[in-house]
């Protein structure tokens, strides 16, 4: 859910070109790009290093 994802949160995302392989990239959320409260493929975020992907896991 979008409400669970805030800037600064450590997450694992899947990038568009990695969707078939499912390779995850970890990073800190810079901003949330999805406007709706939920999305079937995950909330889209931009990480601090500029990578854009859909959140698959929220990390501790």
N, C-alpha and C. Protein backbone atom coordinates (compact mmCIF):
# COMPACT_ATOMS: atom_id res chain seq x y z
N UNK A 1 0.84 -1.19 0.00
CA UNK A 1 0.00 0.00 0.00
C UNK A 1 0.88 1.26 0.00
N UNK A 2 0.41 2.26 -0.69
CA UNK A 2 1.16 3.51 -0.83
C UNK A 2 1.44 4.16 0.52
N UNK A 3 0.49 4.08 1.44
CA UNK A 3 0.65 4.74 2.74
C UNK A 3 1.79 4.16 3.56
N UNK A 4 2.21 2.94 3.25
CA UNK A 4 3.30 2.28 3.98
C UNK A 4 4.68 2.68 3.47
N UNK A 5 4.74 3.39 2.35
CA UNK A 5 6.03 3.72 1.72
C UNK A 5 6.28 5.22 1.83
N UNK A 6 7.36 5.56 2.52
CA UNK A 6 7.72 6.96 2.76
C UNK A 6 9.14 7.21 2.27
N UNK A 7 9.47 8.46 1.92
CA UNK A 7 10.86 8.78 1.56
C UNK A 7 11.80 8.40 2.71
N UNK A 8 12.96 7.84 2.35
CA UNK A 8 13.94 7.41 3.34
C UNK A 8 13.82 5.95 3.73
N UNK A 9 12.72 5.30 3.33
CA UNK A 9 12.50 3.89 3.66
C UNK A 9 13.38 3.01 2.78
N UNK A 10 13.97 1.95 3.37
CA UNK A 10 14.80 1.00 2.61
C UNK A 10 13.89 -0.06 2.00
N UNK A 11 13.98 -0.21 0.67
CA UNK A 11 13.11 -1.13 -0.06
C UNK A 11 13.90 -1.92 -1.10
N UNK A 12 13.28 -2.97 -1.60
CA UNK A 12 13.80 -3.72 -2.75
C UNK A 12 12.79 -3.54 -3.87
N UNK A 13 13.29 -3.10 -5.03
CA UNK A 13 12.41 -2.85 -6.17
C UNK A 13 12.83 -3.71 -7.35
N UNK A 14 11.88 -3.92 -8.26
CA UNK A 14 12.20 -4.56 -9.54
C UNK A 14 12.09 -3.47 -10.61
N UNK A 15 13.16 -3.32 -11.40
CA UNK A 15 13.16 -2.35 -12.49
C UNK A 15 12.43 -2.91 -13.69
N UNK A 16 11.95 -2.03 -14.56
CA UNK A 16 11.16 -2.42 -15.73
C UNK A 16 11.87 -3.49 -16.56
N UNK A 17 13.16 -3.30 -16.85
CA UNK A 17 13.87 -4.25 -17.70
C UNK A 17 14.22 -5.56 -16.98
N UNK A 18 13.97 -5.64 -15.67
CA UNK A 18 14.24 -6.86 -14.89
C UNK A 18 12.96 -7.59 -14.50
N UNK A 19 11.81 -7.15 -15.01
CA UNK A 19 10.55 -7.75 -14.59
C UNK A 19 10.47 -9.24 -14.90
N UNK A 20 11.01 -9.66 -16.03
CA UNK A 20 10.94 -11.08 -16.40
C UNK A 20 11.85 -11.93 -15.53
N UNK A 21 13.02 -11.40 -15.16
CA UNK A 21 13.96 -12.16 -14.34
C UNK A 21 13.67 -12.03 -12.85
N UNK A 22 13.03 -10.94 -12.46
CA UNK A 22 12.69 -10.73 -11.05
C UNK A 22 13.86 -10.27 -10.19
N UNK A 23 14.94 -9.80 -10.82
CA UNK A 23 16.10 -9.32 -10.07
C UNK A 23 15.72 -8.06 -9.29
N UNK A 24 16.03 -8.06 -7.98
CA UNK A 24 15.67 -6.94 -7.12
C UNK A 24 16.87 -6.03 -6.89
N UNK A 25 16.58 -4.74 -6.76
CA UNK A 25 17.59 -3.73 -6.46
C UNK A 25 17.19 -3.06 -5.16
N UNK A 26 18.13 -2.96 -4.21
CA UNK A 26 17.85 -2.34 -2.92
C UNK A 26 18.26 -0.88 -2.94
N UNK A 27 17.52 -0.07 -2.16
CA UNK A 27 17.88 1.33 -2.03
C UNK A 27 16.91 2.07 -1.13
N UNK A 28 17.17 3.36 -0.96
CA UNK A 28 16.32 4.22 -0.15
C UNK A 28 15.38 5.01 -1.05
N UNK A 29 14.14 5.10 -0.64
CA UNK A 29 13.12 5.81 -1.42
C UNK A 29 13.41 7.31 -1.40
N UNK A 30 13.48 7.89 -2.60
CA UNK A 30 13.60 9.34 -2.73
C UNK A 30 12.21 9.95 -2.84
N UNK A 31 11.38 9.35 -3.73
CA UNK A 31 9.99 9.82 -3.86
C UNK A 31 9.10 8.71 -4.39
N UNK A 32 7.82 8.83 -4.06
CA UNK A 32 6.82 7.86 -4.49
C UNK A 32 6.20 8.39 -5.77
N UNK A 33 6.16 7.56 -6.82
CA UNK A 33 5.66 8.00 -8.13
C UNK A 33 4.22 7.57 -8.39
N UNK A 34 3.74 6.51 -7.74
CA UNK A 34 2.37 6.04 -7.95
C UNK A 34 1.42 6.93 -7.16
N UNK A 35 0.37 7.40 -7.82
CA UNK A 35 -0.61 8.26 -7.14
C UNK A 35 -1.70 7.48 -6.44
N UNK A 36 -2.07 6.32 -6.97
CA UNK A 36 -3.15 5.54 -6.37
C UNK A 36 -2.66 4.85 -5.09
N UNK A 37 -3.59 4.43 -4.24
CA UNK A 37 -3.24 3.82 -2.96
C UNK A 37 -2.63 2.44 -3.10
N UNK A 38 -2.94 1.74 -4.20
CA UNK A 38 -2.34 0.43 -4.42
C UNK A 38 -2.19 0.21 -5.92
N UNK A 39 -1.38 -0.79 -6.27
CA UNK A 39 -1.17 -1.14 -7.67
C UNK A 39 -0.88 -2.63 -7.72
N UNK A 40 -1.46 -3.36 -8.66
CA UNK A 40 -1.28 -4.82 -8.69
C UNK A 40 0.17 -5.27 -8.85
N UNK A 41 1.03 -4.44 -9.44
CA UNK A 41 2.43 -4.83 -9.64
C UNK A 41 3.38 -4.17 -8.65
N UNK A 42 2.84 -3.39 -7.72
CA UNK A 42 3.66 -2.71 -6.73
C UNK A 42 3.68 -1.21 -6.94
N UNK A 43 3.95 -0.48 -5.87
CA UNK A 43 4.01 0.97 -5.91
C UNK A 43 5.32 1.40 -6.58
N UNK A 44 5.24 2.28 -7.55
CA UNK A 44 6.43 2.74 -8.27
C UNK A 44 7.10 3.86 -7.46
N UNK A 45 8.41 3.72 -7.28
CA UNK A 45 9.19 4.71 -6.55
C UNK A 45 10.47 5.05 -7.30
N UNK A 46 11.06 6.19 -6.94
CA UNK A 46 12.39 6.54 -7.40
C UNK A 46 13.30 6.43 -6.19
N UNK A 47 14.43 5.74 -6.36
CA UNK A 47 15.39 5.60 -5.27
C UNK A 47 16.35 6.78 -5.27
N UNK A 48 17.11 6.92 -4.19
CA UNK A 48 18.05 8.05 -4.04
C UNK A 48 19.04 8.13 -5.19
N UNK A 49 19.42 6.97 -5.76
CA UNK A 49 20.40 6.97 -6.86
C UNK A 49 19.75 7.12 -8.23
N UNK A 50 18.45 7.41 -8.27
CA UNK A 50 17.76 7.68 -9.53
C UNK A 50 17.07 6.49 -10.16
N UNK A 51 17.29 5.29 -9.63
CA UNK A 51 16.65 4.08 -10.17
C UNK A 51 15.15 4.14 -9.91
N UNK A 52 14.36 3.79 -10.92
CA UNK A 52 12.90 3.74 -10.79
C UNK A 52 12.47 2.28 -10.88
N UNK A 53 11.60 1.88 -9.95
CA UNK A 53 11.10 0.51 -9.97
C UNK A 53 9.88 0.37 -9.09
N UNK A 54 9.33 -0.83 -9.10
CA UNK A 54 8.16 -1.12 -8.28
C UNK A 54 8.57 -1.88 -7.03
N UNK A 55 8.05 -1.43 -5.88
CA UNK A 55 8.44 -2.01 -4.60
C UNK A 55 7.92 -3.44 -4.48
N UNK A 56 8.84 -4.36 -4.20
CA UNK A 56 8.50 -5.77 -3.97
C UNK A 56 8.65 -6.14 -2.51
N UNK A 57 9.57 -5.48 -1.80
CA UNK A 57 9.78 -5.75 -0.37
C UNK A 57 10.13 -4.46 0.35
N UNK A 58 9.64 -4.34 1.58
CA UNK A 58 10.09 -3.27 2.48
C UNK A 58 11.10 -3.92 3.41
N UNK A 59 12.30 -3.34 3.47
CA UNK A 59 13.40 -3.92 4.26
C UNK A 59 13.52 -3.21 5.60
N UNK A 60 14.05 -3.92 6.58
CA UNK A 60 14.20 -3.37 7.94
C UNK A 60 15.24 -2.26 7.95
